[in-house]
Amino acid sequence: VGVFIAYKWSGEAYRVIPVEWLGKEYFTLNMYQDYVKMHAGDFEY
């Protein structure tokens, strides 16, 4: 099973691990907080 996500300005894909091979301990990959500035001058984090 694969998952494909596609919006006009954002998308990604990932492969689903079968239930038989899932585990009980994980560590994660992420990224720092980012932001965009809206027309009204407000920030969207």
ModelCIF file with pLDDT and N, C-alpha, C, O atoms, coordinates in Angstrom:
data_MODEL
#
_entry.id   MODEL 
#
_entity.id                         1 
_entity.type                       polymer 
_entity.pdbx_number_of_molecules   1 
#
_entity_poly.entity_id                      1 
_entity_poly.type                           'polypeptide(L)' 
_entity_poly.nstd_linkage                   no 
_entity_poly.nstd_monomer                   no 
_entity_poly.pdbx_seq_one_letter_code       VGVFIAYKWSGEAYRVIPVEWLGKEYFTLNMYQDYVKMHAGDFEY 
_entity_poly.pdbx_seq_one_letter_code_can   VGVFIAYKWSGEAYRVIPVEWLGKEYFTLNMYQDYVKMHAGDFEY 
_entity_poly.pdbx_strand_id                 A 
#
loop_
_entity_poly_seq.entity_id 
_entity_poly_seq.num 
_entity_poly_seq.mon_id 
_entity_poly_seq.hetero 
1 1  VAL n 
1 2  GLY n 
1 3  VAL n 
1 4  PHE n 
1 5  ILE n 
1 6  ALA n 
1 7  TYR n 
1 8  LYS n 
1 9  TRP n 
1 10 SER n 
1 11 GLY n 
1 12 GLU n 
1 13 ALA n 
1 14 TYR n 
1 15 ARG n 
1 16 VAL n 
1 17 ILE n 
1 18 PRO n 
1 19 VAL n 
1 20 GLU n 
1 21 TRP n 
1 22 LEU n 
1 23 GLY n 
1 24 LYS n 
1 25 GLU n 
1 26 TYR n 
1 27 PHE n 
1 28 THR n 
1 29 LEU n 
1 30 ASN n 
1 31 MET n 
1 32 TYR n 
1 33 GLN n 
1 34 ASP n 
1 35 TYR n 
1 36 VAL n 
1 37 LYS n 
1 38 MET n 
1 39 HIS n 
1 40 ALA n 
1 41 GLY n 
1 42 ASP n 
1 43 PHE n 
1 44 GLU n 
1 45 TYR n 
#
_struct_asym.id          A 
_struct_asym.entity_id   1 
#
loop_
_ma_qa_metric.id 
_ma_qa_metric.mode 
_ma_qa_metric.name 
_ma_qa_metric.software_group_id 
_ma_qa_metric.type 
1 global pLDDT . pLDDT 
2 local  pLDDT . pLDDT 
#
_ma_qa_metric_global.metric_id      1 
_ma_qa_metric_global.metric_value   91.82 
_ma_qa_metric_global.model_id       1 
_ma_qa_metric_global.ordinal_id     1 
#
loop_
_ma_qa_metric_local.label_asym_id 
_ma_qa_metric_local.label_comp_id 
_ma_qa_metric_local.label_seq_id 
_ma_qa_metric_local.metric_id 
_ma_qa_metric_local.metric_value 
_ma_qa_metric_local.model_id 
_ma_qa_metric_local.ordinal_id 
A VAL 1  2 96.00 1 1  
A GLY 2  2 96.00 1 2  
A VAL 3  2 97.00 1 3  
A PHE 4  2 96.00 1 4  
A ILE 5  2 94.00 1 5  
A ALA 6  2 92.00 1 6  
A TYR 7  2 89.00 1 7  
A LYS 8  2 82.00 1 8  
A TRP 9  2 84.00 1 9  
A SER 10 2 91.00 1 10 
A GLY 11 2 93.00 1 11 
A GLU 12 2 96.00 1 12 
A ALA 13 2 96.00 1 13 
A TYR 14 2 97.00 1 14 
A ARG 15 2 95.00 1 15 
A VAL 16 2 97.00 1 16 
A ILE 17 2 96.00 1 17 
A PRO 18 2 96.00 1 18 
A VAL 19 2 96.00 1 19 
A GLU 20 2 94.00 1 20 
A TRP 21 2 94.00 1 21 
A LEU 22 2 97.00 1 22 
A GLY 23 2 97.00 1 23 
A LYS 24 2 98.00 1 24 
A GLU 25 2 98.00 1 25 
A TYR 26 2 98.00 1 26 
A PHE 27 2 98.00 1 27 
A THR 28 2 98.00 1 28 
A LEU 29 2 98.00 1 29 
A ASN 30 2 98.00 1 30 
A MET 31 2 98.00 1 31 
A TYR 32 2 98.00 1 32 
A GLN 33 2 98.00 1 33 
A ASP 34 2 97.00 1 34 
A TYR 35 2 93.00 1 35 
A VAL 36 2 89.00 1 36 
A LYS 37 2 82.00 1 37 
A MET 38 2 75.00 1 38 
A HIS 39 2 68.00 1 39 
A ALA 40 2 64.00 1 40 
A GLY 41 2 69.00 1 41 
A ASP 42 2 82.00 1 42 
A PHE 43 2 86.00 1 43 
A GLU 44 2 91.00 1 44 
A TYR 45 2 95.00 1 45 
#
loop_
_atom_site.group_PDB 
_atom_site.id 
_atom_site.type_symbol 
_atom_site.label_atom_id 
_atom_site.label_alt_id 
_atom_site.label_comp_id 
_atom_site.label_asym_id 
_atom_site.label_entity_id 
_atom_site.label_seq_id 
_atom_site.pdbx_PDB_ins_code 
_atom_site.Cartn_x 
_atom_site.Cartn_y 
_atom_site.Cartn_z 
_atom_site.occupancy 
_atom_site.B_iso_or_equiv 
_atom_site.pdbx_formal_charge 
_atom_site.auth_seq_id 
_atom_site.auth_comp_id 
_atom_site.auth_asym_id 
_atom_site.auth_atom_id 
_atom_site.pdbx_PDB_model_num 
ATOM 1   N N  . VAL A 1 1  ? 0.839  -1.187 0.000  1.00 96.00 ? 1  VAL A N  1 
ATOM 2   C CA . VAL A 1 1  ? 0.000  0.000  0.000  1.00 96.00 ? 1  VAL A CA 1 
ATOM 3   C C  . VAL A 1 1  ? 0.877  1.242  0.000  1.00 96.00 ? 1  VAL A C  1 
ATOM 4   O O  . VAL A 1 1  ? 1.775  1.375  0.832  1.00 96.00 ? 1  VAL A O  1 
ATOM 5   N N  . GLY A 1 2  ? 0.619  2.143  -0.926 1.00 96.00 ? 2  GLY A N  1 
ATOM 6   C CA . GLY A 1 2  ? 1.253  3.449  -0.936 1.00 96.00 ? 2  GLY A CA 1 
ATOM 7   C C  . GLY A 1 2  ? 0.194  4.528  -0.779 1.00 96.00 ? 2  GLY A C  1 
ATOM 8   O O  . GLY A 1 2  ? -0.973 4.315  -1.109 1.00 96.00 ? 2  GLY A O  1 
ATOM 9   N N  . VAL A 1 3  ? 0.601  5.676  -0.280 1.00 97.00 ? 3  VAL A N  1 
ATOM 10  C CA . VAL A 1 3  ? -0.296 6.821  -0.131 1.00 97.00 ? 3  VAL A CA 1 
ATOM 11  C C  . VAL A 1 3  ? 0.308  8.001  -0.884 1.00 97.00 ? 3  VAL A C  1 
ATOM 12  O O  . VAL A 1 3  ? 1.477  8.335  -0.691 1.00 97.00 ? 3  VAL A O  1 
ATOM 13  N N  . PHE A 1 4  ? -0.485 8.626  -1.735 1.00 96.00 ? 4  PHE A N  1 
ATOM 14  C CA . PHE A 1 4  ? -0.040 9.784  -2.519 1.00 96.00 ? 4  PHE A CA 1 
ATOM 15  C C  . PHE A 1 4  ? -0.975 10.949 -2.219 1.00 96.00 ? 4  PHE A C  1 
ATOM 16  O O  . PHE A 1 4  ? -2.192 10.825 -2.355 1.00 96.00 ? 4  PHE A O  1 
ATOM 17  N N  . ILE A 1 5  ? -0.409 12.075 -1.813 1.00 94.00 ? 5  ILE A N  1 
ATOM 18  C CA . ILE A 1 5  ? -1.167 13.266 -1.448 1.00 94.00 ? 5  ILE A CA 1 
ATOM 19  C C  . ILE A 1 5  ? -0.795 14.375 -2.423 1.00 94.00 ? 5  ILE A C  1 
ATOM 20  O O  . ILE A 1 5  ? 0.391  14.620 -2.646 1.00 94.00 ? 5  ILE A O  1 
ATOM 21  N N  . ALA A 1 6  ? -1.779 15.050 -3.010 1.00 92.00 ? 6  ALA A N  1 
ATOM 22  C CA . ALA A 1 6  ? -1.468 16.067 -4.009 1.00 92.00 ? 6  ALA A CA 1 
ATOM 23  C C  . ALA A 1 6  ? -2.454 17.220 -3.936 1.00 92.00 ? 6  ALA A C  1 
ATOM 24  O O  . ALA A 1 6  ? -3.613 17.091 -4.329 1.00 92.00 ? 6  ALA A O  1 
ATOM 25  N N  . TYR A 1 7  ? -1.977 18.352 -3.425 1.00 89.00 ? 7  TYR A N  1 
ATOM 26  C CA . TYR A 1 7  ? -2.700 19.616 -3.467 1.00 89.00 ? 7  TYR A CA 1 
ATOM 27  C C  . TYR A 1 7  ? -1.955 20.549 -4.420 1.00 89.00 ? 7  TYR A C  1 
ATOM 28  O O  . TYR A 1 7  ? -0.878 20.215 -4.915 1.00 89.00 ? 7  TYR A O  1 
ATOM 29  N N  . LYS A 1 8  ? -2.528 21.698 -4.665 1.00 82.00 ? 8  LYS A N  1 
ATOM 30  C CA . LYS A 1 8  ? -1.909 22.614 -5.624 1.00 82.00 ? 8  LYS A CA 1 
ATOM 31  C C  . LYS A 1 8  ? -0.535 23.098 -5.159 1.00 82.00 ? 8  LYS A C  1 
ATOM 32  O O  . LYS A 1 8  ? 0.367  23.301 -5.972 1.00 82.00 ? 8  LYS A O  1 
ATOM 33  N N  . TRP A 1 9  ? -0.383 23.282 -3.835 1.00 84.00 ? 9  TRP A N  1 
ATOM 34  C CA . TRP A 1 9  ? 0.870  23.818 -3.328 1.00 84.00 ? 9  TRP A CA 1 
ATOM 35  C C  . TRP A 1 9  ? 1.551  22.883 -2.329 1.00 84.00 ? 9  TRP A C  1 
ATOM 36  O O  . TRP A 1 9  ? 2.473  23.296 -1.626 1.00 84.00 ? 9  TRP A O  1 
ATOM 37  N N  . SER A 1 10 ? 1.113  21.650 -2.262 1.00 91.00 ? 10 SER A N  1 
ATOM 38  C CA . SER A 1 10 ? 1.692  20.763 -1.257 1.00 91.00 ? 10 SER A CA 1 
ATOM 39  C C  . SER A 1 10 ? 1.377  19.317 -1.608 1.00 91.00 ? 10 SER A C  1 
ATOM 40  O O  . SER A 1 10 ? 0.273  19.015 -2.062 1.00 91.00 ? 10 SER A O  1 
ATOM 41  N N  . GLY A 1 11 ? 2.327  18.434 -1.403 1.00 93.00 ? 11 GLY A N  1 
ATOM 42  C CA . GLY A 1 11 ? 2.086  17.024 -1.692 1.00 93.00 ? 11 GLY A CA 1 
ATOM 43  C C  . GLY A 1 11 ? 3.196  16.156 -1.138 1.00 93.00 ? 11 GLY A C  1 
ATOM 44  O O  . GLY A 1 11 ? 4.262  16.663 -0.789 1.00 93.00 ? 11 GLY A O  1 
ATOM 45  N N  . GLU A 1 12 ? 2.967  14.873 -1.055 1.00 96.00 ? 12 GLU A N  1 
ATOM 46  C CA . GLU A 1 12 ? 3.975  13.923 -0.602 1.00 96.00 ? 12 GLU A CA 1 
ATOM 47  C C  . GLU A 1 12 ? 3.475  12.512 -0.875 1.00 96.00 ? 12 GLU A C  1 
ATOM 48  O O  . GLU A 1 12 ? 2.351  12.317 -1.336 1.00 96.00 ? 12 GLU A O  1 
ATOM 49  N N  . ALA A 1 13 ? 4.322  11.534 -0.587 1.00 96.00 ? 13 ALA A N  1 
ATOM 50  C CA . ALA A 1 13 ? 3.949  10.132 -0.731 1.00 96.00 ? 13 ALA A CA 1 
ATOM 51  C C  . ALA A 1 13 ? 4.664  9.328  0.332  1.00 96.00 ? 13 ALA A C  1 
ATOM 52  O O  . ALA A 1 13 ? 5.742  9.711  0.786  1.00 96.00 ? 13 ALA A O  1 
ATOM 53  N N  . TYR A 1 14 ? 4.069  8.210  0.733  1.00 97.00 ? 14 TYR A N  1 
ATOM 54  C CA . TYR A 1 14 ? 4.766  7.312  1.651  1.00 97.00 ? 14 TYR A CA 1 
ATOM 55  C C  . TYR A 1 14 ? 4.287  5.887  1.445  1.00 97.00 ? 14 TYR A C  1 
ATOM 56  O O  . TYR A 1 14 ? 3.200  5.648  0.919  1.00 97.00 ? 14 TYR A O  1 
ATOM 57  N N  . ARG A 1 15 ? 5.111  4.954  1.867  1.00 95.00 ? 15 ARG A N  1 
ATOM 58  C CA . ARG A 1 15 ? 4.793  3.534  1.800  1.00 95.00 ? 15 ARG A CA 1 
ATOM 59  C C  . ARG A 1 15 ? 4.283  3.086  3.155  1.00 95.00 ? 15 ARG A C  1 
ATOM 60  O O  . ARG A 1 15 ? 4.880  3.402  4.184  1.00 95.00 ? 15 ARG A O  1 
ATOM 61  N N  . VAL A 1 16 ? 3.173  2.346  3.161  1.00 97.00 ? 16 VAL A N  1 
ATOM 62  C CA . VAL A 1 16 ? 2.557  1.899  4.406  1.00 97.00 ? 16 VAL A CA 1 
ATOM 63  C C  . VAL A 1 16 ? 3.193  0.586  4.858  1.00 97.00 ? 16 VAL A C  1 
ATOM 64  O O  . VAL A 1 16 ? 3.311  -0.360 4.078  1.00 97.00 ? 16 VAL A O  1 
ATOM 65  N N  . ILE A 1 17 ? 3.599  0.539  6.118  1.00 96.00 ? 17 ILE A N  1 
ATOM 66  C CA . ILE A 1 17 ? 4.163  -0.684 6.685  1.00 96.00 ? 17 ILE A CA 1 
ATOM 67  C C  . ILE A 1 17 ? 3.011  -1.603 7.105  1.00 96.00 ? 17 ILE A C  1 
ATOM 68  O O  . ILE A 1 17 ? 2.102  -1.151 7.802  1.00 96.00 ? 17 ILE A O  1 
ATOM 69  N N  . PRO A 1 18 ? 3.022  -2.881 6.700  1.00 96.00 ? 18 PRO A N  1 
ATOM 70  C CA . PRO A 1 18 ? 1.939  -3.794 7.083  1.00 96.00 ? 18 PRO A CA 1 
ATOM 71  C C  . PRO A 1 18 ? 1.843  -3.947 8.600  1.00 96.00 ? 18 PRO A C  1 
ATOM 72  O O  . PRO A 1 18 ? 2.839  -3.820 9.313  1.00 96.00 ? 18 PRO A O  1 
ATOM 73  N N  . VAL A 1 19 ? 0.646  -4.218 9.074  1.00 96.00 ? 19 VAL A N  1 
ATOM 74  C CA . VAL A 1 19 ? 0.430  -4.389 10.513 1.00 96.00 ? 19 VAL A CA 1 
ATOM 75  C C  . VAL A 1 19 ? 1.348  -5.471 11.081 1.00 96.00 ? 19 VAL A C  1 
ATOM 76  O O  . VAL A 1 19 ? 1.839  -5.345 12.202 1.00 96.00 ? 19 VAL A O  1 
ATOM 77  N N  . GLU A 1 20 ? 1.581  -6.542 10.301 1.00 94.00 ? 20 GLU A N  1 
ATOM 78  C CA . GLU A 1 20 ? 2.412  -7.641 10.795 1.00 94.00 ? 20 GLU A CA 1 
ATOM 79  C C  . GLU A 1 20 ? 3.827  -7.211 11.151 1.00 94.00 ? 20 GLU A C  1 
ATOM 80  O O  . GLU A 1 20 ? 4.499  -7.882 11.936 1.00 94.00 ? 20 GLU A O  1 
ATOM 81  N N  . TRP A 1 21 ? 4.286  -6.103 10.585 1.00 94.00 ? 21 TRP A N  1 
ATOM 82  C CA . TRP A 1 21 ? 5.681  -5.692 10.788 1.00 94.00 ? 21 TRP A CA 1 
ATOM 83  C C  . TRP A 1 21 ? 5.797  -4.349 11.493 1.00 94.00 ? 21 TRP A C  1 
ATOM 84  O O  . TRP A 1 21 ? 6.884  -3.774 11.547 1.00 94.00 ? 21 TRP A O  1 
ATOM 85  N N  . LEU A 1 22 ? 4.713  -3.849 12.026 1.00 97.00 ? 22 LEU A N  1 
ATOM 86  C CA . LEU A 1 22 ? 4.801  -2.656 12.861 1.00 97.00 ? 22 LEU A CA 1 
ATOM 87  C C  . LEU A 1 22 ? 5.460  -3.009 14.186 1.00 97.00 ? 22 LEU A C  1 
ATOM 88  O O  . LEU A 1 22 ? 5.505  -4.177 14.572 1.00 97.00 ? 22 LEU A O  1 
ATOM 89  N N  . GLY A 1 23 ? 5.975  -1.986 14.891 1.00 97.00 ? 23 GLY A N  1 
ATOM 90  C CA . GLY A 1 23 ? 6.689  -2.239 16.134 1.00 97.00 ? 23 GLY A CA 1 
ATOM 91  C C  . GLY A 1 23 ? 6.087  -1.489 17.306 1.00 97.00 ? 23 GLY A C  1 
ATOM 92  O O  . GLY A 1 23 ? 5.018  -0.887 17.206 1.00 97.00 ? 23 GLY A O  1 
ATOM 93  N N  . LYS A 1 24 ? 6.809  -1.543 18.428 1.00 98.00 ? 24 LYS A N  1 
ATOM 94  C CA . LYS A 1 24 ? 6.360  -0.912 19.662 1.00 98.00 ? 24 LYS A CA 1 
ATOM 95  C C  . LYS A 1 24 ? 7.250  0.250  20.082 1.00 98.00 ? 24 LYS A C  1 
ATOM 96  O O  . LYS A 1 24 ? 6.980  0.899  21.092 1.00 98.00 ? 24 LYS A O  1 
ATOM 97  N N  . GLU A 1 25 ? 8.302  0.521  19.324 1.00 98.00 ? 25 GLU A N  1 
ATOM 98  C CA . GLU A 1 25 ? 9.180  1.653  19.653 1.00 98.00 ? 25 GLU A CA 1 
ATOM 99  C C  . GLU A 1 25 ? 9.607  2.355  18.368 1.00 98.00 ? 25 GLU A C  1 
ATOM 100 O O  . GLU A 1 25 ? 9.986  1.717  17.387 1.00 98.00 ? 25 GLU A O  1 
ATOM 101 N N  . TYR A 1 26 ? 9.535  3.680  18.399 1.00 98.00 ? 26 TYR A N  1 
ATOM 102 C CA . TYR A 1 26 ? 9.859  4.491  17.226 1.00 98.00 ? 26 TYR A CA 1 
ATOM 103 C C  . TYR A 1 26 ? 10.626 5.745  17.631 1.00 98.00 ? 26 TYR A C  1 
ATOM 104 O O  . TYR A 1 26 ? 10.545 6.208  18.769 1.00 98.00 ? 26 TYR A O  1 
ATOM 105 N N  . PHE A 1 27 ? 11.375 6.281  16.665 1.00 98.00 ? 27 PHE A N  1 
ATOM 106 C CA . PHE A 1 27 ? 11.919 7.629  16.727 1.00 98.00 ? 27 PHE A CA 1 
ATOM 107 C C  . PHE A 1 27 ? 11.479 8.328  15.444 1.00 98.00 ? 27 PHE A C  1 
ATOM 108 O O  . PHE A 1 27 ? 11.110 7.663  14.476 1.00 98.00 ? 27 PHE A O  1 
ATOM 109 N N  . THR A 1 28 ? 11.514 9.649  15.426 1.00 98.00 ? 28 THR A N  1 
ATOM 110 C CA . THR A 1 28 ? 10.885 10.366 14.309 1.00 98.00 ? 28 THR A CA 1 
ATOM 111 C C  . THR A 1 28 ? 11.853 11.272 13.549 1.00 98.00 ? 28 THR A C  1 
ATOM 112 O O  . THR A 1 28 ? 12.887 11.699 14.062 1.00 98.00 ? 28 THR A O  1 
ATOM 113 N N  . LEU A 1 29 ? 11.464 11.544 12.299 1.00 98.00 ? 29 LEU A N  1 
ATOM 114 C CA . LEU A 1 29 ? 12.098 12.549 11.443 1.00 98.00 ? 29 LEU A CA 1 
ATOM 115 C C  . LEU A 1 29 ? 11.127 13.711 11.300 1.00 98.00 ? 29 LEU A C  1 
ATOM 116 O O  . LEU A 1 29 ? 9.943  13.501 11.037 1.00 98.00 ? 29 LEU A O  1 
ATOM 117 N N  . ASN A 1 30 ? 11.613 14.926 11.470 1.00 98.00 ? 30 ASN A N  1 
ATOM 118 C CA . ASN A 1 30 ? 10.760 16.114 11.357 1.00 98.00 ? 30 ASN A CA 1 
ATOM 119 C C  . ASN A 1 30 ? 11.568 17.264 10.769 1.00 98.00 ? 30 ASN A C  1 
ATOM 120 O O  . ASN A 1 30 ? 12.579 17.042 10.103 1.00 98.00 ? 30 ASN A O  1 
ATOM 121 N N  . MET A 1 31 ? 11.121 18.494 11.016 1.00 98.00 ? 31 MET A N  1 
ATOM 122 C CA . MET A 1 31 ? 11.811 19.696 10.532 1.00 98.00 ? 31 MET A CA 1 
ATOM 123 C C  . MET A 1 31 ? 11.442 20.846 11.465 1.00 98.00 ? 31 MET A C  1 
ATOM 124 O O  . MET A 1 31 ? 10.457 20.765 12.199 1.00 98.00 ? 31 MET A O  1 
ATOM 125 N N  . TYR A 1 32 ? 12.232 21.911 11.433 1.00 98.00 ? 32 TYR A N  1 
ATOM 126 C CA . TYR A 1 32 ? 11.975 23.053 12.315 1.00 98.00 ? 32 TYR A CA 1 
ATOM 127 C C  . TYR A 1 32 ? 10.659 23.763 11.963 1.00 98.00 ? 32 TYR A C  1 
ATOM 128 O O  . TYR A 1 32 ? 10.112 23.590 10.874 1.00 98.00 ? 32 TYR A O  1 
ATOM 129 N N  . GLN A 1 33 ? 10.172 24.560 12.911 1.00 98.00 ? 33 GLN A N  1 
ATOM 130 C CA . GLN A 1 33 ? 8.979  25.397 12.694 1.00 98.00 ? 33 GLN A CA 1 
ATOM 131 C C  . GLN A 1 33 ? 9.246  26.377 11.555 1.00 98.00 ? 33 GLN A C  1 
ATOM 132 O O  . GLN A 1 33 ? 10.293 27.022 11.501 1.00 98.00 ? 33 GLN A O  1 
ATOM 133 N N  . ASP A 1 34 ? 8.281  26.473 10.653 1.00 97.00 ? 34 ASP A N  1 
ATOM 134 C CA . ASP A 1 34 ? 8.399  27.423 9.548  1.00 97.00 ? 34 ASP A CA 1 
ATOM 135 C C  . ASP A 1 34 ? 7.191  28.361 9.583  1.00 97.00 ? 34 ASP A C  1 
ATOM 136 O O  . ASP A 1 34 ? 6.344  28.254 10.469 1.00 97.00 ? 34 ASP A O  1 
ATOM 137 N N  . TYR A 1 35 ? 7.115  29.271 8.623  1.00 93.00 ? 35 TYR A N  1 
ATOM 138 C CA . TYR A 1 35 ? 6.054  30.279 8.653  1.00 93.00 ? 35 TYR A CA 1 
ATOM 139 C C  . TYR A 1 35 ? 5.865  30.875 7.272  1.00 93.00 ? 35 TYR A C  1 
ATOM 140 O O  . TYR A 1 35 ? 6.756  30.820 6.425  1.00 93.00 ? 35 TYR A O  1 
ATOM 141 N N  . VAL A 1 36 ? 4.679  31.450 7.060  1.00 89.00 ? 36 VAL A N  1 
ATOM 142 C CA . VAL A 1 36 ? 4.446  32.342 5.923  1.00 89.00 ? 36 VAL A CA 1 
ATOM 143 C C  . VAL A 1 36 ? 3.747  33.574 6.471  1.00 89.00 ? 36 VAL A C  1 
ATOM 144 O O  . VAL A 1 36 ? 3.135  33.530 7.539  1.00 89.00 ? 36 VAL A O  1 
ATOM 145 N N  . LYS A 1 37 ? 3.841  34.659 5.744  1.00 82.00 ? 37 LYS A N  1 
ATOM 146 C CA . LYS A 1 37 ? 3.235  35.915 6.164  1.00 82.00 ? 37 LYS A CA 1 
ATOM 147 C C  . LYS A 1 37 ? 2.010  36.179 5.301  1.00 82.00 ? 37 LYS A C  1 
ATOM 148 O O  . LYS A 1 37 ? 2.095  36.174 4.073  1.00 82.00 ? 37 LYS A O  1 
ATOM 149 N N  . MET A 1 38 ? 0.872  36.409 5.946  1.00 75.00 ? 38 MET A N  1 
ATOM 150 C CA . MET A 1 38 ? -0.382 36.605 5.244  1.00 75.00 ? 38 MET A CA 1 
ATOM 151 C C  . MET A 1 38 ? -0.512 38.047 4.758  1.00 75.00 ? 38 MET A C  1 
ATOM 152 O O  . MET A 1 38 ? 0.275  38.913 5.142  1.00 75.00 ? 38 MET A O  1 
ATOM 153 N N  . HIS A 1 39 ? -1.516 38.297 3.908  1.00 68.00 ? 39 HIS A N  1 
ATOM 154 C CA . HIS A 1 39 ? -1.713 39.636 3.345  1.00 68.00 ? 39 HIS A CA 1 
ATOM 155 C C  . HIS A 1 39 ? -1.972 40.677 4.426  1.00 68.00 ? 39 HIS A C  1 
ATOM 156 O O  . HIS A 1 39 ? -1.566 41.832 4.291  1.00 68.00 ? 39 HIS A O  1 
ATOM 157 N N  . ALA A 1 40 ? -2.643 40.274 5.489  1.00 64.00 ? 40 ALA A N  1 
ATOM 158 C CA . ALA A 1 40 ? -2.964 41.222 6.560  1.00 64.00 ? 40 ALA A CA 1 
ATOM 159 C C  . ALA A 1 40 ? -1.773 41.482 7.473  1.00 64.00 ? 40 ALA A C  1 
ATOM 160 O O  . ALA A 1 40 ? -1.863 42.267 8.417  1.00 64.00 ? 40 ALA A O  1 
ATOM 161 N N  . GLY A 1 41 ? -0.674 40.826 7.191  1.00 69.00 ? 41 GLY A N  1 
ATOM 162 C CA . GLY A 1 41 ? 0.512  41.013 8.013  1.00 69.00 ? 41 GLY A CA 1 
ATOM 163 C C  . GLY A 1 41 ? 0.659  39.998 9.126  1.00 69.00 ? 41 GLY A C  1 
ATOM 164 O O  . GLY A 1 41 ? 1.664  39.987 9.836  1.00 69.00 ? 41 GLY A O  1 
ATOM 165 N N  . ASP A 1 42 ? -0.356 39.133 9.283  1.00 82.00 ? 42 ASP A N  1 
ATOM 166 C CA . ASP A 1 42 ? -0.279 38.090 10.305 1.00 82.00 ? 42 ASP A CA 1 
ATOM 167 C C  . ASP A 1 42 ? 0.611  36.947 9.818  1.00 82.00 ? 42 ASP A C  1 
ATOM 168 O O  . ASP A 1 42 ? 0.760  36.715 8.618  1.00 82.00 ? 42 ASP A O  1 
ATOM 169 N N  . PHE A 1 43 ? 1.189  36.252 10.776 1.00 86.00 ? 43 PHE A N  1 
ATOM 170 C CA . PHE A 1 43 ? 2.022  35.101 10.440 1.00 86.00 ? 43 PHE A CA 1 
ATOM 171 C C  . PHE A 1 43 ? 1.214  33.809 10.582 1.00 86.00 ? 43 PHE A C  1 
ATOM 172 O O  . PHE A 1 43 ? 0.418  33.661 11.510 1.00 86.00 ? 43 PHE A O  1 
ATOM 173 N N  . GLU A 1 44 ? 1.427  32.889 9.662  1.00 91.00 ? 44 GLU A N  1 
ATOM 174 C CA . GLU A 1 44 ? 0.840  31.560 9.751  1.00 91.00 ? 44 GLU A CA 1 
ATOM 175 C C  . GLU A 1 44 ? 1.990  30.595 9.988  1.00 91.00 ? 44 GLU A C  1 
ATOM 176 O O  . GLU A 1 44 ? 2.886  30.463 9.155  1.00 91.00 ? 44 GLU A O  1 
ATOM 177 N N  . TYR A 1 45 ? 1.957  29.918 11.139 1.00 95.00 ? 45 TYR A N  1 
ATOM 178 C CA . TYR A 1 45 ? 3.097  29.097 11.548 1.00 95.00 ? 45 TYR A CA 1 
ATOM 179 C C  . TYR A 1 45 ? 2.871  27.637 11.165 1.00 95.00 ? 45 TYR A C  1 
ATOM 180 O O  . TYR A 1 45 ? 3.724  26.790 11.429 1.00 95.00 ? 45 TYR A O  1 
#
